[in-house]
């Protein structure tokens, strides 16, 4: 398994887009394309933690607090942060920080603490705004189920404990294929009308690119209309 695969799993659970503005989550040091030989978990990266990772043969450290919060202008070993970075680079290690994105996400750090304390009426105290958007496409009804499955797997259509959530309505689409096209239905240079379903989903803003790519991959049309 490559380090990048581990990063993908971590960020599918808690996307870095959810982190606070002051934070610095994600892969801080290291090559994501290297094979992972082992992962060491910790709260803070220290010199002893780096030494432990080396001794255990773990070339990836996943920490809660980022080792690097602000820009570093020198690497001369004057601080423990600089010494950690130097040792990590020399030994081909990687450091990943999972901080406030893991704090805020459902079933993350704060959620788990609240449940273990037996708290009731649990909710986010300072919800993030502008994290959801609507994705719309138009597809022949017989391809609707295929589109639904692809979009759900890409991360859209999830509301609470439900997935595959969408709304669709039927209508008529109209288009004309021009030079250089290979239309799925209709003929080139002729205006064509087709029965279509307008289908829409709620999607996290950080998943939109993945959702759009999923739609284009399975949509039967050469040019899929996506709003």
Foldseek 3Di string as FASTA:
>chain_A
DFQLVVQVVLCVQQNPVQADPQADFFWDDADRGHRFPAEAEEADDFPVSLVVCVVVVGQEYEHAHDLDRDDDPDQDPPDRSSVSRVSSVVVRHIYGYNYVSQCQGVVGDVNVVCVVVVHPPDDDPDDDPPFKDKKKWKAAVVCVVVLLVLLQVLAWQDDPPDRSHKDKDKDKDKDAAEPPDDFPDDDHPDIDIDIIIIMMTMGGPVSVVSSVVSNCVRGSGPDIDMD
